[in-house]
Amino acid sequence: LQDRYHNTIYLTEERWQHITNALNHPELSDYEEYLKITLQKGHRRQEPLNPRKYRYYHAFDDLPDDVNHIVVIVLFGFDITESGQTVPNNYIATAFFKHIRLKD
């Protein structure tokens, strides 16, 4: 996927299984498309204690219970290819529902 800032971000099957695991956030299993929308249209904030970590969030009107946002945590980094080229390695670490109080 590409976020709204043109960064390529990926979600591995292992991470999706971690996110939707019964001990983590199984309620997200039906919301993978919303997760993608959050990256493509949502806002983001850089975590102050870890500058590689960004919190993306986006409001939705049809989420369960009293939650109104999906939050996606993305870790930004780089890898070096065998030829010595630096390439982005930005991936989704986790995601969850959250109620965020909207300003008037």
C-alpha atoms as a PDB file:
ATOM      1  CA  LEU A   1       0.000   0.000   0.000  1.00  0.00           C
ATOM      2  CA  GLN A   2       0.918   3.641  -0.251  1.00  0.00           C
ATOM      3  CA  ASP A   3      -0.044   6.035   2.503  1.00  0.00           C
ATOM      4  CA  ARG A   4      -1.276   9.543   1.782  1.00  0.00           C
ATOM      5  CA  TYR A   5       2.330  10.747   2.033  1.00  0.00           C
ATOM      6  CA  HIS A   6       3.450   8.351  -0.764  1.00  0.00           C
ATOM      7  CA  ASN A   7       5.298   5.959   1.550  1.00  0.00           C
ATOM      8  CA  THR A   8       5.089   2.283   0.654  1.00  0.00           C
ATOM      9  CA  ILE A   9       3.879   0.233   3.634  1.00  0.00           C
ATOM     10  CA  TYR A  10       3.223  -3.481   3.773  1.00  0.00           C
ATOM     11  CA  LEU A  11       1.282  -5.885   5.965  1.00  0.00           C
ATOM     12  CA  THR A  12       2.625  -9.417   6.245  1.00  0.00           C
ATOM     13  CA  GLU A  13       0.408 -12.422   6.846  1.00  0.00           C
ATOM     14  CA  GLU A  14       2.291 -12.982  10.122  1.00  0.00           C
ATOM     15  CA  ARG A  15       1.452  -9.470  11.339  1.00  0.00           C
ATOM     16  CA  TRP A  16      -2.211  -9.802  10.273  1.00  0.00           C
ATOM     17  CA  GLN A  17      -2.439 -13.100  12.196  1.00  0.00           C
ATOM     18  CA  HIS A  18      -0.841 -11.380  15.211  1.00  0.00           C
ATOM     19  CA  ILE A  19      -3.283  -8.464  15.052  1.00  0.00           C
ATOM     20  CA  THR A  20      -6.387 -10.658  14.714  1.00  0.00           C
ATOM     21  CA  ASN A  21      -5.226 -13.298  17.207  1.00  0.00           C
ATOM     22  CA  ALA A  22      -7.778 -14.049  19.935  1.00  0.00           C
ATOM     23  CA  LEU A  23      -5.400 -12.606  22.559  1.00  0.00           C
ATOM     24  CA  ASN A  24      -4.901  -9.321  20.690  1.00  0.00           C
ATOM     25  CA  HIS A  25      -7.533  -7.671  18.473  1.00  0.00           C
ATOM     26  CA  PRO A  26      -9.740 -10.376  16.907  1.00  0.00           C
ATOM     27  CA  GLU A  27     -12.483  -7.785  16.428  1.00  0.00           C
ATOM     28  CA  LEU A  28     -10.430  -6.355  13.537  1.00  0.00           C
ATOM     29  CA  SER A  29     -10.648  -9.520  11.439  1.00  0.00           C
ATOM     30  CA  ASP A  30     -13.546  -8.100   9.368  1.00  0.00           C
ATOM     31  CA  TYR A  31     -11.889  -4.675   8.966  1.00  0.00           C
ATOM     32  CA  GLU A  32      -8.773  -5.268   6.852  1.00  0.00           C
ATOM     33  CA  GLU A  33     -10.102  -2.907   4.159  1.00  0.00           C
ATOM     34  CA  TYR A  34     -10.630  -0.202   6.818  1.00  0.00           C
ATOM     35  CA  LEU A  35      -7.022  -0.648   7.879  1.00  0.00           C
ATOM     36  CA  LYS A  36      -5.947   0.098   4.302  1.00  0.00           C
ATOM     37  CA  ILE A  37      -8.213   3.167   4.163  1.00  0.00           C
ATOM     38  CA  THR A  38      -6.691   4.387   7.435  1.00  0.00           C
ATOM     39  CA  LEU A  39      -3.239   4.348   5.849  1.00  0.00           C
ATOM     40  CA  GLN A  40      -4.385   5.917   2.590  1.00  0.00           C
ATOM     41  CA  LYS A  41      -6.642   8.658   3.974  1.00  0.00           C
ATOM     42  CA  GLY A  42      -5.953   8.957   7.688  1.00  0.00           C
ATOM     43  CA  HIS A  43      -3.756  11.294   9.654  1.00  0.00           C
ATOM     44  CA  ARG A  44      -0.550  10.282  11.357  1.00  0.00           C
ATOM     45  CA  ARG A  45       1.587  11.279  14.305  1.00  0.00           C
ATOM     46  CA  GLN A  46       5.184  10.401  14.959  1.00  0.00           C
ATOM     47  CA  GLU A  47       5.793   8.775  18.327  1.00  0.00           C
ATOM     48  CA  PRO A  48       8.032  11.080  20.401  1.00  0.00           C
ATOM     49  CA  LEU A  49      10.056   8.289  22.029  1.00  0.00           C
ATOM     50  CA  ASN A  50      10.574   6.299  18.829  1.00  0.00           C
ATOM     51  CA  PRO A  51      10.963   8.449  15.699  1.00  0.00           C
ATOM     52  CA  ARG A  52      10.654   5.344  13.469  1.00  0.00           C
ATOM     53  CA  LYS A  53       7.136   4.667  14.801  1.00  0.00           C
ATOM     54  CA  TYR A  54       4.036   6.376  13.410  1.00  0.00           C
ATOM     55  CA  ARG A  55       0.450   6.170  14.598  1.00  0.00           C
ATOM     56  CA  TYR A  56      -2.077   6.456  11.756  1.00  0.00           C
ATOM     57  CA  TYR A  57      -5.723   7.047  12.649  1.00  0.00           C
ATOM     58  CA  HIS A  58      -8.972   7.514  10.759  1.00  0.00           C
ATOM     59  CA  ALA A  59     -12.586   7.948  11.851  1.00  0.00           C
ATOM     60  CA  PHE A  60     -15.360   5.631  10.652  1.00  0.00           C
ATOM     61  CA  ASP A  61     -19.098   5.899  11.342  1.00  0.00           C
ATOM     62  CA  ASP A  62     -19.872   2.178  11.278  1.00  0.00           C
ATOM     63  CA  LEU A  63     -17.453   0.598  13.754  1.00  0.00           C
ATOM     64  CA  PRO A  64     -18.783  -1.703  16.498  1.00  0.00           C
ATOM     65  CA  ASP A  65     -19.659  -0.696  20.041  1.00  0.00           C
ATOM     66  CA  ASP A  66     -18.621   2.828  21.005  1.00  0.00           C
ATOM     67  CA  VAL A  67     -15.357   3.023  19.024  1.00  0.00           C
ATOM     68  CA  ASN A  68     -15.013   5.542  16.201  1.00  0.00           C
ATOM     69  CA  HIS A  69     -11.431   5.179  14.904  1.00  0.00           C
ATOM     70  CA  ILE A  70      -9.015   2.604  13.630  1.00  0.00           C
ATOM     71  CA  VAL A  71      -5.417   3.129  14.700  1.00  0.00           C
ATOM     72  CA  VAL A  72      -2.544   1.537  12.771  1.00  0.00           C
ATOM     73  CA  ILE A  73       1.023   1.465  14.090  1.00  0.00           C
ATOM     74  CA  VAL A  74       3.684   1.537  11.360  1.00  0.00           C
ATOM     75  CA  LEU A  75       7.424   1.106  11.823  1.00  0.00           C
ATOM     76  CA  PHE A  76       9.604   2.864   9.253  1.00  0.00           C
ATOM     77  CA  GLY A  77      13.047   1.613   8.376  1.00  0.00           C
ATOM     78  CA  PHE A  78      15.487   0.635   5.645  1.00  0.00           C
ATOM     79  CA  ASP A  79      17.090  -2.539   4.382  1.00  0.00           C
ATOM     80  CA  ILE A  80      20.229  -2.988   2.321  1.00  0.00           C
ATOM     81  CA  THR A  81      19.929  -5.208  -0.769  1.00  0.00           C
ATOM     82  CA  GLU A  82      22.634  -7.662  -1.771  1.00  0.00           C
ATOM     83  CA  SER A  83      23.849  -5.072  -4.281  1.00  0.00           C
ATOM     84  CA  GLY A  84      24.250  -2.509  -1.473  1.00  0.00           C
ATOM     85  CA  GLN A  85      21.210  -0.435  -2.402  1.00  0.00           C
ATOM     86  CA  THR A  86      19.159   1.116   0.418  1.00  0.00           C
ATOM     87  CA  VAL A  87      15.430   0.368   0.150  1.00  0.00           C
ATOM     88  CA  PRO A  88      12.497   1.339   2.402  1.00  0.00           C
ATOM     89  CA  ASN A  89      11.177  -1.262   4.827  1.00  0.00           C
ATOM     90  CA  ASN A  90       7.973   0.196   6.289  1.00  0.00           C
ATOM     91  CA  TYR A  91       5.540  -2.259   7.814  1.00  0.00           C
ATOM     92  CA  ILE A  92       2.410  -2.454   9.931  1.00  0.00           C
ATOM     93  CA  ALA A  93       3.247  -3.632  13.446  1.00  0.00           C
ATOM     94  CA  THR A  94      -0.274  -3.639  14.889  1.00  0.00           C
ATOM     95  CA  ALA A  95      -3.717  -2.067  14.652  1.00  0.00           C
ATOM     96  CA  PHE A  96      -6.682  -1.596  16.971  1.00  0.00           C
ATOM     97  CA  PHE A  97     -10.023   0.140  17.502  1.00  0.00           C
ATOM     98  CA  LYS A  98     -10.171   3.243  19.649  1.00  0.00           C
ATOM     99  CA  HIS A  99     -12.695   5.829  20.755  1.00  0.00           C
ATOM    100  CA  ILE A 100     -11.251   9.282  20.162  1.00  0.00           C
ATOM    101  CA  ARG A 101     -13.188  12.223  21.473  1.00  0.00           C
ATOM    102  CA  LEU A 102     -13.860  14.615  18.613  1.00  0.00           C
ATOM    103  CA  LYS A 103     -13.374  18.337  19.117  1.00  0.00           C
ATOM    104  CA  ASP A 104     -16.470  20.516  18.794  1.00  0.00           C
END
